[in-house]
Amino acid sequence: MSELPAVSRRLLLGGALATGAAAAGLGAAGSVAAATADGSAVPEAVTPRRRPGQKSVIGMPFDVHRTVRVGVIGLGNRGHGMSEGWAVVPGCTVTAVCDIRAERAKRTADRLVAIGKPRPAEYGGSDDSFAQMLKRDDIDVVYIATPWEFHYQQGKAALLAGKHVVVELPIATGLDELWDLVDTCERTRRHLMLSENCSYGRNELAMLKMAHEGLFGDVTNGHGGYLHDLRALLFSDTYYTDAWRRRWHTRSTASFYAMHGLAPVAAAMDINRGDRMTVLRATATEPKGLADYRKRFVPESHPSWQETYINGDLVTCLIDTAKGRVIRAEHDVSSPRPYSRINSLAGTRGIFEDYAGTSTTGGRIYVEPDHGGHSWRDFDTYRKEFDHWLWKKIGDDAANNGGHGGMDYVLQWRTVQLMRAGLVPDIDVYDSASWCAPVPLSVKSLAAGGRPVAVPDFTRGSWVNLRMGLDSRMTDMPPVG
């Protein structure tokens, strides 16, 4: 394995400052007082104490795995497709698959055999089938792609079984659950990471590199979200099993799924790596989109006519950071609109916006002193210059093997590489908990009329220290065999 010595400008300039801040005592949990823009105080988020012997997993590398053995829980549309993705990564094998519907486990196992991979063990048919699978000693990491309400229980069970865990969005939906997953990682010495594929998107990683190399000057704000017209899928009788995702709109006001846009902006801002989110305030429009769609396109005999939707069509969270930055994170799956994750970052010397231009790369940019005349410029040249090493190295493989433009495969390849090479994960449990915290916090803020609420510091003070994350140095995949 080779590793290049390149260090980003942001680490060179900021490392000494961050270390000094920690030495001065700024690393104590809850040391940054949360406040609104007008300076009024917000009650500090409660930081539970660590139990005796429990310690941070920041900077903790994976043990070296010659082969990474994956167990998959949840084999609907996402889990079935990602199972094949894991199986084709060099040095990775899927050893077991599980779904409450046993026929889905068989379907996935059959598919893996059809592409020339070993047949995984099959589990299914009961609520506790996943627990039976977790007893196996030939699973190193568990990938969870079940409905949201099961992520916390299954993720914690996998950690307690001694496995590392990769969980689809969100890792949990409650603050107490998020804290428990952090604590369980620290006690078991196992990693849990959010399966945030958009963090490995080509434009998102280029944006991160541009920010860390100072192209935007001092970054002041970012905007991201998940804006996706899912109305037809939400009312489909086959796409979401038992309509689980639509039913969330009947029982919660949360910003369910803004992480796809929030996570890349947070990474570019060094959230948990020199800055942290401190205050969140949420607003929501009236919940009209799903009912309107149902009225126009869904037969009155359909079971959805017994439902009342309470989740606002557009839920917006404004998030302040300790360094005075602002992040706007949005969620809307109930309105007619083209797909967007927004993916925008701005600073004192320029701005980048994704999915807004006409270039083949899908982005537009304006930076000083390169540009003038208040006119957007094409992103092509900049992406070539700031293309992340992962895309330079495996971009062709990603295009041939992964969904969502290849970023699924990049996430899977990188996770396997980290585990096989014994490296520190790019995304840790603290990032995962922070990115998912707007789910319960948006509910809390909306219930208080949009008032600001404090964002917990899941790192317990370690956020002040700059460290590597998605802005990783180039490394090789260890040879297979």
Protein backbone atom coordinates (compact mmCIF):
# COMPACT_ATOMS: atom_id res chain seq x y z
CA MET A 1 0.00 0.00 0.00
CA SER A 2 1.32 3.46 -0.90
CA GLU A 3 0.29 6.70 0.73
CA LEU A 4 1.06 10.13 -0.64
CA PRO A 5 2.26 12.76 1.83
CA ALA A 6 -0.02 15.49 0.51
CA VAL A 7 -1.66 17.56 3.23
CA SER A 8 -4.44 20.03 2.45
CA ARG A 9 -3.95 23.75 2.92
CA ARG A 10 -6.71 23.75 5.51
CA LEU A 11 -4.86 21.25 7.74
CA LEU A 12 -1.56 23.09 7.42
CA LEU A 13 -3.11 26.43 8.35
CA GLY A 14 -5.55 25.21 10.95
CA GLY A 15 -3.87 22.36 12.79
CA ALA A 16 -1.85 24.46 15.20
CA LEU A 17 -4.82 26.69 16.00
CA ALA A 18 -7.07 23.75 16.72
CA THR A 19 -4.50 22.04 18.93
CA GLY A 20 -4.03 25.27 20.85
CA ALA A 21 -7.76 25.61 21.35
CA ALA A 22 -7.99 22.13 22.82
CA ALA A 23 -5.03 22.80 25.10
CA ALA A 24 -6.69 25.95 26.32
CA GLY A 25 -9.69 23.98 27.51
CA LEU A 26 -12.09 24.69 24.67
CA GLY A 27 -12.50 20.98 24.12
CA ALA A 28 -14.68 20.50 27.18
CA ALA A 29 -18.12 19.16 26.37
CA GLY A 30 -20.72 21.89 26.09
CA SER A 31 -18.07 24.64 26.15
CA VAL A 32 -19.50 26.58 23.20
CA ALA A 33 -22.66 28.31 24.32
CA ALA A 34 -25.45 28.02 21.78
CA ALA A 35 -26.97 31.35 20.81
CA THR A 36 -29.30 32.80 18.22
CA ALA A 37 -28.29 35.40 15.66
CA ASP A 38 -29.47 38.20 17.97
CA GLY A 39 -27.28 36.88 20.78
CA SER A 40 -30.02 35.45 22.99
CA ALA A 41 -29.08 32.22 24.70
CA VAL A 42 -30.44 28.81 23.78
CA PRO A 43 -30.51 26.17 26.52
CA GLU A 44 -27.43 23.98 26.09
CA ALA A 45 -28.00 20.44 24.82
CA VAL A 46 -27.49 17.77 27.45
CA THR A 47 -24.27 15.81 27.01
CA PRO A 48 -24.45 12.45 28.81
CA ARG A 49 -21.31 11.42 30.66
CA ARG A 50 -19.22 8.55 29.42
CA ARG A 51 -19.30 5.42 31.50
CA PRO A 52 -16.07 4.32 33.21
CA GLY A 53 -13.73 2.80 30.62
CA GLN A 54 -15.65 4.24 27.69
CA LYS A 55 -13.60 6.39 25.34
CA SER A 56 -13.80 8.12 21.99
CA VAL A 57 -13.36 6.23 18.73
CA ILE A 58 -12.10 9.32 16.91
CA GLY A 59 -8.93 8.34 15.09
CA MET A 60 -9.41 4.65 15.82
CA PRO A 61 -8.43 2.59 12.76
CA PHE A 62 -10.11 -0.59 11.67
CA ASP A 63 -8.31 -3.82 12.38
CA VAL A 64 -6.80 -5.14 9.15
CA HIS A 65 -9.15 -7.50 7.33
CA ARG A 66 -7.69 -9.68 4.59
CA THR A 67 -11.21 -10.12 3.22
CA VAL A 68 -14.17 -8.00 4.30
CA ARG A 69 -17.20 -10.18 4.99
CA VAL A 70 -20.55 -8.40 4.77
CA GLY A 71 -23.92 -9.32 6.22
CA VAL A 72 -26.93 -7.48 4.76
CA ILE A 73 -30.16 -6.74 6.65
CA GLY A 74 -33.05 -5.53 4.51
CA LEU A 75 -33.39 -6.70 0.91
CA GLY A 76 -35.91 -4.39 -0.67
CA ASN A 77 -34.97 -2.20 -3.60
CA ARG A 78 -31.97 -0.63 -1.89
CA GLY A 79 -30.60 -3.62 -0.01
CA HIS A 80 -30.90 -5.98 -2.97
CA GLY A 81 -29.02 -3.64 -5.29
CA MET A 82 -26.33 -2.76 -2.77
CA SER A 83 -25.71 -6.45 -2.02
CA GLU A 84 -24.43 -6.88 -5.55
CA GLY A 85 -22.36 -3.73 -5.12
CA TRP A 86 -20.60 -5.11 -2.04
CA ALA A 87 -19.98 -8.42 -3.76
CA VAL A 88 -18.07 -6.92 -6.70
CA VAL A 89 -15.64 -4.82 -4.65
CA PRO A 90 -12.17 -6.44 -4.64
CA GLY A 91 -11.52 -8.28 -1.40
CA CYS A 92 -15.14 -8.26 -0.28
CA THR A 93 -17.70 -11.04 -0.04
CA VAL A 94 -21.33 -11.14 1.08
CA THR A 95 -21.56 -14.02 3.54
CA ALA A 96 -25.15 -13.65 4.73
CA VAL A 97 -28.36 -11.86 3.72
CA CYS A 98 -31.51 -11.29 5.74
CA ASP A 99 -35.03 -9.99 5.24
CA ILE A 100 -38.24 -10.58 7.16
CA ARG A 101 -39.55 -11.91 3.85
CA ALA A 102 -37.56 -15.07 3.27
CA GLU A 103 -38.21 -15.00 -0.48
CA ARG A 104 -36.22 -11.79 -0.73
CA ALA A 105 -33.19 -13.42 0.87
CA LYS A 106 -33.43 -16.17 -1.73
CA ARG A 107 -33.79 -13.63 -4.54
CA THR A 108 -30.63 -11.81 -3.48
CA ALA A 109 -28.68 -15.02 -2.96
CA ASP A 110 -29.75 -16.23 -6.40
CA ARG A 111 -28.60 -12.95 -7.93
CA LEU A 112 -25.16 -13.18 -6.34
CA VAL A 113 -24.71 -16.70 -7.63
CA ALA A 114 -25.83 -15.57 -11.08
CA ILE A 115 -23.00 -13.02 -11.24
CA GLY A 116 -20.45 -15.64 -10.18
CA LYS A 117 -20.22 -14.93 -6.45
CA PRO A 118 -20.45 -17.42 -3.56
CA ARG A 119 -23.96 -18.07 -2.30
CA PRO A 120 -24.56 -16.25 1.00
CA ALA A 121 -26.39 -17.83 3.92
CA GLU A 122 -30.07 -16.87 3.93
CA TYR A 123 -32.08 -15.63 6.89
CA GLY A 124 -35.71 -14.58 6.96
CA GLY A 125 -39.27 -15.33 7.88
CA SER A 126 -39.45 -13.72 11.34
CA ASP A 127 -38.89 -10.44 13.18
CA ASP A 128 -35.73 -11.75 14.84
CA SER A 129 -34.11 -13.31 11.77
CA PHE A 130 -31.52 -10.53 11.79
CA ALA A 131 -30.55 -11.41 15.37
CA GLN A 132 -29.93 -14.99 14.30
CA MET A 133 -27.72 -13.79 11.46
CA LEU A 134 -25.71 -11.60 13.84
CA LYS A 135 -24.60 -14.72 15.76
CA ARG A 136 -22.39 -15.71 12.83
CA ASP A 137 -18.64 -15.33 13.27
CA ASP A 138 -17.98 -14.78 9.56
CA ILE A 139 -19.39 -11.25 9.35
CA ASP A 140 -17.10 -8.22 9.77
CA VAL A 141 -19.50 -5.46 8.83
CA VAL A 142 -23.29 -5.33 8.72
CA TYR A 143 -25.06 -3.22 6.10
CA ILE A 144 -28.60 -2.16 7.11
CA ALA A 145 -31.19 -1.08 4.54
CA THR A 146 -34.48 -1.63 6.35
CA PRO A 147 -37.24 0.97 6.98
CA TRP A 148 -36.11 3.85 9.18
CA GLU A 149 -37.88 2.68 12.32
CA PHE A 150 -35.62 -0.39 12.55
CA HIS A 151 -32.22 1.24 12.01
CA TYR A 152 -31.45 2.01 15.65
CA GLN A 153 -32.40 -1.41 17.01
CA GLN A 154 -30.58 -3.33 14.32
CA GLY A 155 -27.53 -1.05 14.31
CA LYS A 156 -27.08 -1.37 18.06
CA ALA A 157 -27.59 -5.13 17.95
CA ALA A 158 -24.88 -5.43 15.30
CA LEU A 159 -22.43 -3.37 17.39
CA LEU A 160 -23.13 -5.51 20.45
CA ALA A 161 -22.49 -8.58 18.32
CA GLY A 162 -19.01 -7.27 17.61
CA LYS A 163 -19.62 -6.09 14.05
CA HIS A 164 -18.89 -2.80 12.37
CA VAL A 165 -22.01 -1.22 10.88
CA VAL A 166 -23.00 0.76 7.78
CA VAL A 167 -26.56 2.12 8.03
CA GLU A 168 -28.75 3.76 5.43
CA LEU A 169 -30.23 7.16 6.27
CA PRO A 170 -30.94 7.94 9.08
CA ILE A 171 -29.00 5.86 11.62
CA ALA A 172 -31.75 6.67 14.17
CA THR A 173 -34.67 9.07 14.51
CA GLY A 174 -34.43 10.08 18.20
CA LEU A 175 -31.77 12.05 20.10
CA ASP A 176 -31.57 9.44 22.83
CA GLU A 177 -31.07 6.78 20.17
CA LEU A 178 -28.31 8.78 18.48
CA TRP A 179 -26.49 9.19 21.78
CA ASP A 180 -26.90 5.50 22.54
CA LEU A 181 -25.31 4.54 19.22
CA VAL A 182 -22.39 6.86 19.95
CA ASP A 183 -21.95 5.35 23.39
CA THR A 184 -22.31 1.79 22.09
CA CYS A 185 -19.57 2.39 19.52
CA GLU A 186 -17.31 3.74 22.24
CA ARG A 187 -17.97 0.76 24.52
CA THR A 188 -17.72 -1.97 21.88
CA ARG A 189 -14.80 -0.34 20.01
CA ARG A 190 -16.63 -0.83 16.74
CA HIS A 191 -17.43 1.73 14.07
CA LEU A 192 -20.88 2.72 12.83
CA MET A 193 -21.17 4.97 9.80
CA LEU A 194 -24.01 6.51 7.88
CA SER A 195 -24.24 5.13 4.35
CA GLU A 196 -24.16 8.65 2.95
CA ASN A 197 -23.41 7.95 -0.68
CA CYS A 198 -23.77 11.61 -1.65
CA SER A 199 -20.72 12.41 0.46
CA TYR A 200 -18.81 10.39 -2.16
CA GLY A 201 -20.44 12.12 -5.13
CA ARG A 202 -17.92 13.45 -7.65
CA ASN A 203 -19.08 17.06 -7.47
CA GLU A 204 -19.49 16.93 -3.70
CA LEU A 205 -15.91 15.73 -3.21
CA ALA A 206 -14.60 18.32 -5.67
CA MET A 207 -16.49 21.00 -3.73
CA LEU A 208 -14.88 19.78 -0.51
CA LYS A 209 -11.40 19.97 -2.06
CA MET A 210 -12.04 23.46 -3.41
CA ALA A 211 -13.18 24.63 0.02
CA HIS A 212 -10.23 23.09 1.84
CA GLU A 213 -7.77 24.58 -0.65
CA GLY A 214 -9.22 28.03 0.01
CA LEU A 215 -10.84 28.63 -3.37
CA PHE A 216 -13.95 30.20 -1.76
CA GLY A 217 -11.98 32.22 0.79
CA ASP A 218 -13.50 31.98 4.25
CA VAL A 219 -16.58 29.77 3.89
CA THR A 220 -19.61 31.52 5.35
CA ASN A 221 -22.65 29.48 4.34
CA GLY A 222 -23.90 26.39 2.56
CA HIS A 223 -27.17 25.05 1.23
CA GLY A 224 -28.12 21.42 0.72
CA GLY A 225 -31.09 19.13 0.87
CA TYR A 226 -33.16 16.40 -0.65
CA LEU A 227 -35.74 17.72 -3.10
CA HIS A 228 -37.23 14.76 -4.93
CA ASP A 229 -40.74 14.24 -6.24
CA LEU A 230 -41.55 10.84 -4.69
CA ARG A 231 -45.34 11.12 -4.87
CA ALA A 232 -45.84 8.29 -7.38
CA LEU A 233 -43.49 5.98 -5.45
CA LEU A 234 -45.03 6.88 -2.09
CA PHE A 235 -48.44 5.81 -3.34
CA SER A 236 -47.14 2.73 -5.13
CA ASP A 237 -48.37 -0.56 -3.68
CA THR A 238 -45.08 -2.32 -4.46
CA TYR A 239 -42.15 0.11 -4.18
CA TYR A 240 -42.08 0.76 -0.41
CA THR A 241 -43.07 -2.41 1.43
CA ASP A 242 -46.25 -1.87 3.46
CA ALA A 243 -46.11 1.83 2.47
CA TRP A 244 -43.63 2.36 5.28
CA ARG A 245 -42.20 5.58 3.92
CA ARG A 246 -45.56 7.22 3.20
CA ARG A 247 -46.74 6.36 6.69
CA TRP A 248 -43.95 8.42 8.18
CA HIS A 249 -45.77 11.43 6.72
CA THR A 250 -48.77 10.57 8.93
CA ARG A 251 -46.87 10.44 12.21
CA SER A 252 -43.99 12.93 12.18
CA THR A 253 -43.29 16.55 11.25
CA ALA A 254 -39.55 15.91 10.90
CA SER A 255 -37.11 16.85 8.19
CA PHE A 256 -36.69 13.18 7.34
CA TYR A 257 -33.95 13.01 4.80
CA ALA A 258 -32.00 16.24 4.35
CA MET A 259 -28.69 14.46 5.00
CA HIS A 260 -27.96 13.95 1.29
CA GLY A 261 -27.45 17.70 0.98
CA LEU A 262 -26.41 18.49 4.55
CA ALA A 263 -23.56 15.97 4.83
CA PRO A 264 -21.41 17.26 1.92
CA VAL A 265 -21.79 20.86 3.11
CA ALA A 266 -20.93 19.83 6.67
CA ALA A 267 -17.83 17.98 5.46
CA ALA A 268 -16.67 21.02 3.47
CA MET A 269 -17.11 23.13 6.62
CA ASP A 270 -15.15 20.68 8.78
CA ILE A 271 -18.09 19.98 11.05
CA ASN A 272 -16.75 17.88 13.97
CA ARG A 273 -13.27 18.59 12.59
CA GLY A 274 -12.71 22.22 13.60
CA ASP A 275 -16.29 23.51 13.69
CA ARG A 276 -19.60 22.15 14.89
CA MET A 277 -23.32 22.75 14.48
CA THR A 278 -24.69 24.59 17.52
CA VAL A 279 -28.27 25.80 16.90
CA LEU A 280 -31.10 24.63 14.64
CA ARG A 281 -34.39 26.33 13.83
CA ALA A 282 -37.00 24.76 11.56
CA THR A 283 -39.90 25.96 9.47
CA ALA A 284 -42.39 23.98 7.41
CA THR A 285 -45.02 24.64 4.79
CA GLU A 286 -48.48 23.15 5.08
CA PRO A 287 -48.80 19.41 4.27
CA LYS A 288 -50.77 19.71 1.05
CA GLY A 289 -48.82 17.90 -1.67
CA LEU A 290 -49.59 14.27 -0.88
CA ALA A 291 -53.29 14.89 -0.28
CA ASP A 292 -53.52 16.81 -3.55
CA TYR A 293 -51.78 14.03 -5.46
CA ARG A 294 -54.05 11.43 -3.86
CA LYS A 295 -57.14 13.42 -4.83
CA ARG A 296 -56.09 13.56 -8.47
CA PHE A 297 -54.48 10.17 -9.08
CA VAL A 298 -55.33 7.61 -6.37
CA PRO A 299 -58.61 5.62 -6.38
CA GLU A 300 -60.82 6.24 -3.35
CA SER A 301 -60.68 2.52 -2.58
CA HIS A 302 -56.96 2.81 -1.88
CA PRO A 303 -55.98 2.44 1.83
CA SER A 304 -54.17 5.79 1.72
CA TRP A 305 -57.56 7.52 1.87
CA GLN A 306 -57.68 6.59 5.56
CA GLU A 307 -54.52 8.60 6.21
CA THR A 308 -53.97 12.20 7.33
CA TYR A 309 -50.66 13.77 6.38
CA ILE A 310 -48.94 16.03 8.91
CA ASN A 311 -45.42 16.34 7.48
CA GLY A 312 -44.91 19.71 5.79
CA ASP A 313 -44.20 19.62 2.07
CA LEU A 314 -41.02 21.68 2.49
CA VAL A 315 -39.21 21.47 5.82
CA THR A 316 -36.29 23.89 6.12
CA CYS A 317 -33.66 23.84 8.85
CA LEU A 318 -31.34 26.79 9.44
CA ILE A 319 -28.28 25.62 11.34
CA ASP A 320 -25.67 27.85 12.98
CA THR A 321 -22.11 26.71 13.61
CA ALA A 322 -19.59 27.59 16.29
CA LYS A 323 -17.58 29.57 13.72
CA GLY A 324 -20.58 31.68 12.75
CA ARG A 325 -21.47 29.91 9.54
CA VAL A 326 -25.02 29.10 8.49
CA ILE A 327 -26.26 25.92 6.78
CA ARG A 328 -29.68 25.72 5.15
CA ALA A 329 -30.90 22.10 4.88
CA GLU A 330 -34.18 21.28 3.13
CA HIS A 331 -36.45 18.30 2.58
CA ASP A 332 -39.33 18.02 0.10
CA VAL A 333 -40.62 14.81 -1.45
CA SER A 334 -44.25 15.89 -1.79
CA SER A 335 -44.11 18.56 -4.51
CA PRO A 336 -43.87 18.44 -8.31
CA ARG A 337 -40.30 19.40 -9.16
CA PRO A 338 -37.11 18.11 -10.81
CA TYR A 339 -34.68 16.32 -8.52
CA SER A 340 -32.04 18.35 -6.68
CA ARG A 341 -29.71 18.08 -3.72
CA ILE A 342 -28.80 21.79 -4.15
CA ASN A 343 -25.19 21.27 -3.01
CA SER A 344 -24.03 24.87 -2.72
CA LEU A 345 -21.16 26.42 -0.80
CA ALA A 346 -20.21 30.11 -0.54
CA GLY A 347 -17.51 32.23 1.03
CA THR A 348 -15.77 35.57 0.92
CA ARG A 349 -14.26 34.89 -2.51
CA GLY A 350 -16.78 32.81 -4.39
CA ILE A 351 -19.61 30.34 -4.64
CA PHE A 352 -20.38 26.93 -6.14
CA GLU A 353 -23.86 25.68 -7.01
CA ASP A 354 -24.68 22.19 -8.24
CA TYR A 355 -27.55 21.00 -10.48
CA ALA A 356 -28.07 24.53 -11.71
CA GLY A 357 -25.84 25.00 -14.74
CA THR A 358 -25.93 23.66 -18.26
CA SER A 359 -22.53 21.96 -18.32
CA THR A 360 -22.04 18.22 -18.49
CA THR A 361 -20.80 18.27 -14.90
CA GLY A 362 -24.06 19.81 -13.69
CA GLY A 363 -22.58 22.68 -11.70
CA ARG A 364 -21.71 26.35 -11.96
CA ILE A 365 -19.14 28.44 -10.18
CA TYR A 366 -18.07 32.05 -9.57
CA VAL A 367 -14.77 32.80 -7.81
CA GLU A 368 -12.54 35.83 -7.52
CA PRO A 369 -10.15 36.79 -9.03
CA ASP A 370 -10.83 34.30 -11.84
CA HIS A 371 -14.28 35.63 -12.69
CA GLY A 372 -16.12 38.93 -12.99
CA GLY A 373 -19.13 40.51 -14.56
CA HIS A 374 -21.57 38.78 -12.20
CA SER A 375 -21.84 35.83 -14.61
CA TRP A 376 -21.78 32.15 -13.71
CA ARG A 377 -18.96 30.10 -15.23
CA ASP A 378 -18.75 26.46 -16.23
CA PHE A 379 -17.60 23.97 -13.60
CA ASP A 380 -15.82 21.53 -15.97
CA THR A 381 -12.33 22.97 -15.64
CA TYR A 382 -12.53 23.22 -11.88
CA ARG A 383 -13.77 19.69 -11.42
CA LYS A 384 -10.86 18.40 -13.48
CA GLU A 385 -8.44 20.34 -11.30
CA PHE A 386 -10.05 19.42 -7.97
CA ASP A 387 -11.28 15.93 -8.81
CA HIS A 388 -10.92 13.72 -5.72
CA TRP A 389 -8.37 10.92 -5.91
CA LEU A 390 -11.08 8.30 -5.39
CA TRP A 391 -12.80 9.31 -8.63
CA LYS A 392 -9.52 9.51 -10.49
CA LYS A 393 -8.65 6.04 -9.29
CA ILE A 394 -11.93 4.12 -9.56
CA GLY A 395 -14.26 6.40 -11.51
CA ASP A 396 -14.48 3.99 -14.44
CA ASP A 397 -15.25 1.06 -12.13
CA ALA A 398 -17.86 3.17 -10.34
CA ALA A 399 -19.59 3.99 -13.61
CA ASN A 400 -19.81 0.29 -14.49
CA ASN A 401 -20.72 -1.13 -11.09
CA GLY A 402 -22.64 1.40 -9.03
CA GLY A 403 -25.96 3.15 -8.90
CA HIS A 404 -26.60 6.87 -8.40
CA GLY A 405 -23.95 7.87 -10.91
CA GLY A 406 -21.32 5.61 -9.37
CA MET A 407 -21.22 7.09 -5.89
CA ASP A 408 -22.73 3.92 -4.35
CA TYR A 409 -19.73 1.94 -5.57
CA VAL A 410 -17.25 4.60 -4.43
CA LEU A 411 -18.72 4.43 -0.92
CA GLN A 412 -18.57 0.64 -0.90
CA TRP A 413 -15.09 0.44 -2.41
CA ARG A 414 -13.73 2.99 0.05
CA THR A 415 -15.32 1.27 3.05
CA VAL A 416 -13.79 -2.06 2.05
CA GLN A 417 -10.43 -0.43 1.38
CA LEU A 418 -10.43 1.25 4.80
CA MET A 419 -11.15 -2.06 6.50
CA ARG A 420 -8.65 -4.09 4.47
CA ALA A 421 -5.88 -1.52 4.92
CA GLY A 422 -6.61 -0.86 8.60
CA LEU A 423 -7.31 2.86 8.19
CA VAL A 424 -9.48 5.37 10.08
CA PRO A 425 -12.99 5.72 8.59
CA ASP A 426 -13.81 8.83 6.56
CA ILE A 427 -17.23 9.06 8.22
CA ASP A 428 -17.49 8.08 11.88
CA VAL A 429 -20.34 7.71 14.34
CA TYR A 430 -20.00 11.34 15.46
CA ASP A 431 -20.48 12.59 11.90
CA SER A 432 -23.35 10.17 11.41
CA ALA A 433 -25.14 11.28 14.58
CA SER A 434 -24.62 14.98 13.82
CA TRP A 435 -25.93 14.69 10.26
CA CYS A 436 -29.00 12.80 11.48
CA ALA A 437 -29.70 15.05 14.48
CA PRO A 438 -31.89 17.44 12.41
CA VAL A 439 -34.50 14.66 12.21
CA PRO A 440 -35.53 14.90 15.90
CA LEU A 441 -34.37 18.50 16.32
CA SER A 442 -36.64 19.74 13.53
CA VAL A 443 -39.60 18.15 15.34
CA LYS A 444 -38.58 19.88 18.55
CA SER A 445 -38.16 23.28 16.88
CA LEU A 446 -41.42 23.05 14.93
CA ALA A 447 -43.31 22.09 18.07
CA ALA A 448 -41.97 25.28 19.66
CA GLY A 449 -43.14 27.46 16.79
CA GLY A 450 -39.82 27.44 14.98
CA ARG A 451 -37.77 28.51 17.97
CA PRO A 452 -34.06 27.62 17.99
CA VAL A 453 -32.91 24.46 19.71
CA ALA A 454 -29.39 23.44 20.63
CA VAL A 455 -27.55 20.81 18.61
CA PRO A 456 -25.72 18.27 20.78
CA ASP A 457 -21.96 17.91 20.57
CA PHE A 458 -21.65 14.18 20.00
CA THR A 459 -17.82 14.46 20.03
CA ARG A 460 -17.90 15.73 23.62
CA GLY A 461 -15.49 18.55 22.84
CA SER A 462 -13.20 16.93 20.30
CA TRP A 463 -14.75 18.93 17.46
CA VAL A 464 -12.14 21.67 17.97
CA ASN A 465 -9.36 19.55 16.49
CA LEU A 466 -8.86 19.53 12.73
CA ARG A 467 -8.48 16.01 11.36
CA MET A 468 -8.79 14.13 8.14
CA GLY A 469 -12.12 12.87 6.89
CA LEU A 470 -13.48 12.71 3.37
CA ASP A 471 -10.50 14.84 2.30
CA SER A 472 -8.32 11.74 2.53
CA ARG A 473 -4.86 11.06 1.14
CA MET A 474 -4.60 8.66 -1.77
CA THR A 475 -4.13 5.03 -0.75
CA ASP A 476 -4.20 1.75 -2.66
CA MET A 477 -6.55 -1.18 -2.23
CA PRO A 478 -4.44 -3.98 -0.75
CA PRO A 479 -3.87 -6.80 -3.27
CA VAL A 480 -6.35 -9.66 -3.19
CA GLY A 481 -5.02 -13.12 -2.35
